Amino acid sequence: MTDNGITRVTIDVSATLRACFGETIEITKDLQPHERVCTACRGLGAIKRDMPFAMRGPGEAGHGFPYHQEYVGPCPNCYNGIEKLCEFCAEPLYKGYTSGAYWCNCKEASDERSRTAKDKEAARMAKAKRVPLAEYTGTMLFRARDEVFVEAEDAREDARDDPEELYYACDPVDNWVKPAAAELIDDLDNRAADEWEDFEGLDLTDEAKDALQNALDLWWTEHVKLQTLYYPNEDTIVVVPAESEPEE
C-alpha cells in the first residue's frame, strides 16, 4: 500500500478465463462475406485497456499518472471480434462504417458511390411532379445550377440563356415556424412540473386548445411577416419555357 492509500492488485487473466470457461477455451465465429477475425483482439472482441490516474495530497509535487485501473474492454476495431472488410479491395473498414461501397477510399468504392448517387438522383427526378410555369401559383423559384432563389416572373428570361435550366418550386417557411398550441401547452406543463412536485398536468378541453391556437394564428397574421423566407421543394419541378428573343 502506498502513502496515498493505493493498493495494487494483479489479476491473472489466463487463470480467470480458465475458471470461467474451463481448461479449453474456444469460441466459434461464423463469418459472412467481407468479414474476418479481428487482427487486434484475435476474435475475442475485447482487449486490455487502461485508465491511468494520479492521487496527490495538498502541496504534493509530482508528474504524470503513476496509478492504473487496467481492465478488459470492447475492442475498438471490430464488432464482437469480427472486422468488416471493403467488398472491393478487402481492406478493413473503420468501426462504425460497415459498407465498403460507401466508406472505403479505394477507387472501386468511390466509383460505386458515384453510381449510387447518380441512380438515386435519377430516380428522384423521375418521381418529381412537373408543373408548367403558367400553372405555378408561387412567387419564387429555386434555380438548382447555382442554388439561388429567383422571382418566378424572371425565370422565363433566365431560361432563354439555358433552356435546360432546372427550377424547383418554393414553399414559404412560415408554416414551419408558426407557433403551435400543443407545443406551448407542453412547455407550460413541463415548467409547472418543475415548480410543483404534485402537479398532475393541465386539464384542458379541446375547445380551450382550439381557442389558444386561434389566438396564436391571429397574432401571427397581424404581427409576423415572413413572405421573403422560402425553402426549395425538390419534389416539384417547375417547367419554365424560354422567353423568345425580342424582335428588333
Foldseek 3Di string as FASTA:
>chain_A
DDPQPDDDDDDDVQVVCCVVPNPDDDDDDDDDPQKDFDPPVRQQQKDKDWDFADDDDPPDDDDDGPDIDIDIDGDQAPDNRMFGAEPPPSHTFGPPDRYNLDGDPDPVSVVSVVVVVVVVVVVLVVQAAEAELVPDPDQWKAWPPVGDIDGSVCVQQVCQVPVPTWIFDKDFCCVVVQDALVVVQVVVQVVVCVVDVPDDGDDDDPVRRVVVRVVSVVCCVVPPDRSPHIDGDSSYIYNHHHDDDDDD
